[in-house]
Amino acid sequence: MSVAKKQYKRITVKSLGEMKANNEKISMLTSYDFTMAQIVDQAGIDVILVGDSASNVMAGHETTLPITLDQMIYHASGVIRGVKRALVVVDLPFGSYQSDPKEALRSSIRIMKESGAHAVKMEGGREIKDSIKRILKAGIPVMGHLGLTPQSIYKFGTYTVRAKEEYEAEKLKEDALMLERIGCFAIVLEKVPAKLAAEVAQSVQVPVIGIGAGNGVDGQVLVVHDMLGMNKEFSPRFLRRYTDLNSIMTEAFQKYNDDVKSKAFPSDQEQY
């Protein structure tokens, strides 16, 4: 006998824990502006991540490293104004939390106060434990992020799958348990073997959200530009494109250009 799913008017960190307990998968997508966030929210997505991937898809940088705290607050503020149901999580950008727990707290407070966001996300395990604890003590919810951590790209030198070796897999498991123990409400696992990700999800009580981590976790996250097919150059194995917005938009722009050049736009009905 199937159990009716609870209808949430507003998603909170508590809601996500309940969803895991009820074996209900969690949907998560990125957004970086008011209009996109409004559409994503109206579609019923549970969590909206204002990701530092804005550095790539919005600003055209090769990595996530250049985006600043001020820029993340700008993007998050627009997203918050477009959202009525989803939980909005904001990435702490590179350089805003790694070196000093006090700086990590100041960065988190700025995001929460100036954007109205609901939580922050941080990349790393035991090496940023003190920063996470300092933020949590201030009452700010923290989502962890393990596996492939794009802010550390120059340390690893590649975007390949992480934790394939036993020693790295063990560290990831230990870090996940540590993140849960100190109070993180959820953990993102990026680009790790599906079997390992499933083991981690079973070992912790908090939700585990995967990206390139198989279907044994508690939910999935994708970059909205990627899943809409706006970015044709990025084609990792884990990405499913749900439409080809690149071609749809290009065709519309070309038609508009043709209509302007041929004087077909505006028509008599489109004038005052």
Protein backbone atom coordinates (compact mmCIF):
# COMPACT_ATOMS: atom_id res chain seq x y z
CA MET A 1 0.00 0.00 0.00
CA SER A 2 1.50 3.33 -1.07
CA VAL A 3 1.76 6.20 1.39
CA ALA A 4 0.64 9.64 0.23
CA LYS A 5 3.50 12.11 0.01
CA LYS A 6 3.37 15.11 2.28
CA GLN A 7 2.64 18.36 0.45
CA TYR A 8 5.03 21.09 1.53
CA LYS A 9 3.98 24.72 1.14
CA ARG A 10 7.52 25.71 1.99
CA ILE A 11 10.63 23.54 1.94
CA THR A 12 12.88 23.82 4.99
CA VAL A 13 15.91 21.91 6.22
CA LYS A 14 13.46 19.92 8.35
CA SER A 15 11.41 19.08 5.25
CA LEU A 16 14.46 17.56 3.57
CA GLY A 17 15.12 15.33 6.56
CA GLU A 18 11.51 14.17 6.48
CA MET A 19 11.76 13.46 2.77
CA LYS A 20 14.77 11.22 3.31
CA ALA A 21 13.03 9.43 6.18
CA ASN A 22 10.00 8.85 3.92
CA ASN A 23 12.18 7.66 1.03
CA GLU A 24 11.06 10.60 -1.13
CA LYS A 25 13.71 11.80 -3.57
CA ILE A 26 14.82 15.45 -3.40
CA SER A 27 15.06 17.58 -6.53
CA MET A 28 17.62 20.39 -6.73
CA LEU A 29 18.60 22.79 -9.53
CA THR A 30 20.72 25.90 -9.76
CA SER A 31 19.42 29.40 -10.46
CA TYR A 32 21.18 32.74 -10.59
CA ASP A 33 18.46 35.32 -11.31
CA PHE A 34 14.86 36.26 -10.49
CA THR A 35 13.19 35.02 -13.69
CA MET A 36 14.84 31.59 -13.78
CA ALA A 37 14.30 31.07 -10.05
CA GLN A 38 10.62 31.91 -10.42
CA ILE A 39 10.19 29.30 -13.16
CA VAL A 40 12.19 26.63 -11.31
CA ASP A 41 10.24 27.26 -8.12
CA GLN A 42 6.86 27.11 -9.88
CA ALA A 43 7.87 23.74 -11.36
CA GLY A 44 8.03 22.29 -7.85
CA ILE A 45 11.79 21.87 -7.46
CA ASP A 46 12.61 21.36 -3.77
CA VAL A 47 15.97 23.11 -3.47
CA ILE A 48 17.46 25.94 -5.50
CA LEU A 49 21.23 26.28 -5.35
CA VAL A 50 22.72 29.66 -6.10
CA GLY A 51 25.93 27.99 -7.15
CA ASP A 52 29.36 29.45 -7.66
CA SER A 53 28.90 27.85 -11.09
CA ALA A 54 27.56 31.32 -11.90
CA SER A 55 31.23 32.04 -12.46
CA ASN A 56 31.09 29.68 -15.44
CA VAL A 57 27.61 29.95 -16.92
CA MET A 58 26.86 33.61 -16.14
CA ALA A 59 30.30 35.25 -16.31
CA GLY A 60 32.15 32.94 -18.71
CA HIS A 61 35.07 32.08 -16.45
CA GLU A 62 36.89 28.77 -16.89
CA THR A 63 36.61 27.90 -13.19
CA THR A 64 34.45 28.82 -10.20
CA LEU A 65 37.34 30.56 -8.44
CA PRO A 66 36.94 34.17 -9.72
CA ILE A 67 33.41 34.83 -8.46
CA THR A 68 33.29 37.12 -5.42
CA LEU A 69 31.17 37.20 -2.29
CA ASP A 70 29.51 40.42 -3.48
CA GLN A 71 28.59 38.76 -6.77
CA MET A 72 27.15 35.71 -5.00
CA ILE A 73 25.03 37.99 -2.83
CA TYR A 74 23.81 39.83 -5.95
CA HIS A 75 22.74 36.58 -7.64
CA ALA A 76 21.18 35.18 -4.45
CA SER A 77 19.16 38.35 -3.84
CA GLY A 78 17.48 38.04 -7.23
CA VAL A 79 16.77 34.36 -6.72
CA ILE A 80 15.18 34.92 -3.30
CA ARG A 81 12.77 37.48 -4.77
CA GLY A 82 11.53 34.87 -7.25
CA VAL A 83 11.00 31.98 -4.83
CA LYS A 84 7.93 31.09 -2.76
CA ARG A 85 8.40 27.37 -1.98
CA ALA A 86 11.94 26.10 -2.54
CA LEU A 87 14.76 26.12 -0.02
CA VAL A 88 17.46 28.48 -1.32
CA VAL A 89 21.08 27.48 -0.62
CA VAL A 90 24.00 29.74 -1.56
CA ASP A 91 27.58 28.66 -2.23
CA LEU A 92 30.24 30.34 -0.18
CA PRO A 93 32.74 31.36 -2.88
CA PHE A 94 36.41 30.48 -2.93
CA GLY A 95 38.44 32.55 -0.50
CA SER A 96 35.52 33.49 1.74
CA TYR A 97 35.83 30.68 4.32
CA GLN A 98 38.90 28.46 3.87
CA SER A 99 41.53 30.38 5.83
CA ASP A 100 39.74 31.65 8.92
CA PRO A 101 36.59 30.50 10.77
CA LYS A 102 35.84 34.10 11.71
CA GLU A 103 36.00 35.14 8.06
CA ALA A 104 33.77 32.17 7.17
CA LEU A 105 31.18 33.36 9.68
CA ARG A 106 31.36 36.95 8.43
CA SER A 107 30.86 35.75 4.85
CA SER A 108 27.89 33.59 5.83
CA ILE A 109 26.26 36.37 7.82
CA ARG A 110 26.57 38.72 4.84
CA ILE A 111 24.90 36.17 2.56
CA MET A 112 22.04 35.54 4.97
CA LYS A 113 21.43 39.20 5.87
CA GLU A 114 21.96 40.82 2.46
CA SER A 115 20.30 38.22 0.22
CA GLY A 116 17.71 36.61 2.51
CA ALA A 117 18.99 33.11 1.67
CA HIS A 118 18.05 30.10 3.77
CA ALA A 119 21.40 28.27 4.01
CA VAL A 120 24.98 28.20 2.75
CA LYS A 121 27.01 25.44 1.10
CA MET A 122 30.72 24.77 1.62
CA GLU A 123 33.20 22.48 -0.13
CA GLY A 124 35.40 20.23 1.97
CA GLY A 125 35.57 17.94 4.98
CA ARG A 126 37.75 17.89 8.07
CA GLU A 127 39.99 20.68 6.73
CA ILE A 128 37.15 23.20 7.10
CA LYS A 129 35.56 21.67 10.18
CA ASP A 130 36.24 24.69 12.40
CA SER A 131 34.69 27.08 9.88
CA ILE A 132 31.55 24.94 9.58
CA LYS A 133 31.19 24.69 13.37
CA ARG A 134 31.56 28.46 13.76
CA ILE A 135 28.81 29.08 11.18
CA LEU A 136 26.49 26.47 12.68
CA LYS A 137 26.91 27.95 16.16
CA ALA A 138 25.57 31.23 14.77
CA GLY A 139 22.37 29.44 13.72
CA ILE A 140 23.11 29.36 9.99
CA PRO A 141 22.25 26.04 8.25
CA VAL A 142 25.16 24.49 6.33
CA MET A 143 25.06 22.04 3.41
CA GLY A 144 28.30 20.12 2.96
CA HIS A 145 29.96 19.20 -0.34
CA LEU A 146 32.35 16.27 -0.83
CA GLY A 147 33.90 14.37 -3.71
CA LEU A 148 34.85 16.56 -6.62
CA THR A 149 35.21 20.05 -5.18
CA PRO A 150 35.58 22.49 -8.09
CA GLN A 151 37.08 25.22 -5.88
CA SER A 152 40.08 22.90 -5.42
CA ILE A 153 40.57 22.26 -9.14
CA TYR A 154 44.17 23.48 -9.17
CA LYS A 155 44.99 21.14 -6.28
CA PHE A 156 43.64 18.08 -8.10
CA GLY A 157 44.40 19.30 -11.63
CA THR A 158 41.42 17.51 -13.17
CA TYR A 159 37.62 17.19 -13.05
CA THR A 160 37.73 13.38 -13.16
CA VAL A 161 35.80 11.11 -10.78
CA ARG A 162 36.99 11.34 -7.18
CA ALA A 163 37.35 8.70 -4.44
CA LYS A 164 38.09 5.76 -6.75
CA GLU A 165 41.07 4.83 -4.59
CA GLU A 166 40.40 3.13 -1.26
CA TYR A 167 42.18 5.71 0.89
CA GLU A 168 40.23 8.58 -0.67
CA ALA A 169 36.94 6.66 -0.40
CA GLU A 170 37.57 6.07 3.31
CA LYS A 171 38.31 9.75 3.87
CA LEU A 172 35.09 10.69 2.08
CA LYS A 173 33.08 8.33 4.29
CA GLU A 174 34.72 9.72 7.41
CA ASP A 175 34.15 13.30 6.27
CA ALA A 176 30.47 12.60 5.58
CA LEU A 177 29.98 11.19 9.08
CA MET A 178 31.85 14.17 10.51
CA LEU A 179 29.67 16.66 8.59
CA GLU A 180 26.56 14.97 9.93
CA ARG A 181 27.95 14.83 13.47
CA ILE A 182 28.77 18.53 13.68
CA GLY A 183 25.36 19.51 12.30
CA CYS A 184 25.24 19.88 8.51
CA PHE A 185 21.65 19.37 7.31
CA ALA A 186 22.59 17.78 3.97
CA ILE A 187 25.60 16.78 1.89
CA VAL A 188 26.27 17.10 -1.84
CA LEU A 189 28.39 14.33 -3.38
CA GLU A 190 29.88 15.27 -6.73
CA LYS A 191 31.35 12.85 -9.26
CA VAL A 192 32.04 9.83 -7.07
CA PRO A 193 31.40 6.13 -7.81
CA ALA A 194 27.73 5.22 -7.47
CA LYS A 195 28.40 2.34 -5.07
CA LEU A 196 30.37 4.58 -2.72
CA ALA A 197 27.74 7.33 -2.87
CA ALA A 198 25.02 4.82 -1.96
CA GLU A 199 27.07 3.60 1.00
CA VAL A 200 27.49 7.17 2.24
CA ALA A 201 23.77 7.89 1.87
CA GLN A 202 22.96 4.78 3.92
CA SER A 203 25.52 5.62 6.60
CA VAL A 204 24.17 9.08 7.46
CA GLN A 205 20.73 10.27 8.55
CA VAL A 206 20.94 13.57 6.65
CA PRO A 207 20.00 13.77 2.94
CA VAL A 208 22.74 13.14 0.39
CA ILE A 209 22.29 14.96 -2.93
CA GLY A 210 24.23 13.62 -5.88
CA ILE A 211 25.63 15.05 -9.08
CA GLY A 212 27.35 12.31 -11.02
CA ALA A 213 26.95 10.05 -7.98
CA GLY A 214 24.41 7.48 -9.17
CA ASN A 215 20.82 6.85 -8.09
CA GLY A 216 21.49 5.39 -4.66
CA VAL A 217 21.50 8.81 -3.01
CA ASP A 218 18.58 10.83 -1.66
CA GLY A 219 18.28 13.38 -4.45
CA GLN A 220 19.87 14.91 -7.52
CA VAL A 221 21.20 18.32 -8.54
CA LEU A 222 22.11 19.70 -11.97
CA VAL A 223 23.15 23.08 -13.31
CA VAL A 224 20.04 24.50 -14.95
CA HIS A 225 21.89 25.78 -18.04
CA ASP A 226 23.27 22.28 -18.62
CA MET A 227 20.01 20.35 -18.24
CA LEU A 228 18.21 22.85 -20.50
CA GLY A 229 20.78 22.30 -23.25
CA MET A 230 21.91 25.93 -23.30
CA ASN A 231 25.54 24.86 -22.98
CA LYS A 232 26.47 22.45 -25.77
CA GLU A 233 30.17 22.19 -24.96
CA PHE A 234 29.68 20.54 -21.55
CA SER A 235 28.79 16.86 -21.91
CA PRO A 236 29.74 14.73 -18.88
CA ARG A 237 28.26 11.25 -18.55
CA PHE A 238 25.98 12.28 -15.65
CA LEU A 239 24.26 15.08 -17.56
CA ARG A 240 20.80 14.49 -19.02
CA ARG A 241 19.58 17.29 -21.29
CA TYR A 242 15.83 17.68 -20.93
CA THR A 243 15.52 20.03 -23.90
CA ASP A 244 17.68 21.75 -26.52
CA LEU A 245 17.19 25.36 -25.52
CA ASN A 246 20.30 26.40 -27.41
CA SER A 247 18.71 25.47 -30.74
CA ILE A 248 15.26 26.77 -29.74
CA MET A 249 16.65 30.15 -28.71
CA THR A 250 18.94 30.43 -31.73
CA GLU A 251 16.01 29.77 -34.06
CA ALA A 252 13.91 32.43 -32.31
CA PHE A 253 16.70 35.01 -32.46
CA GLN A 254 17.29 34.30 -36.15
CA LYS A 255 13.57 34.66 -36.92
CA TYR A 256 13.47 37.98 -35.05
CA ASN A 257 16.53 39.17 -36.96
CA ASP A 258 14.94 38.19 -40.28
CA ASP A 259 11.66 39.93 -39.39
CA VAL A 260 13.43 43.15 -38.42
CA LYS A 261 15.56 43.15 -41.58
CA SER A 262 12.56 42.44 -43.82
CA LYS A 263 10.39 44.99 -41.97
CA ALA A 264 7.90 42.25 -41.07
CA PHE A 265 8.24 43.31 -37.42
CA PRO A 266 6.50 45.26 -36.08
CA SER A 267 3.26 44.76 -37.99
CA ASP A 268 0.36 47.25 -38.05
CA GLN A 269 -1.21 45.38 -35.11
CA GLU A 270 2.01 45.79 -33.09
CA GLN A 271 2.14 49.56 -33.38
CA TYR A 272 0.44 52.40 -31.50
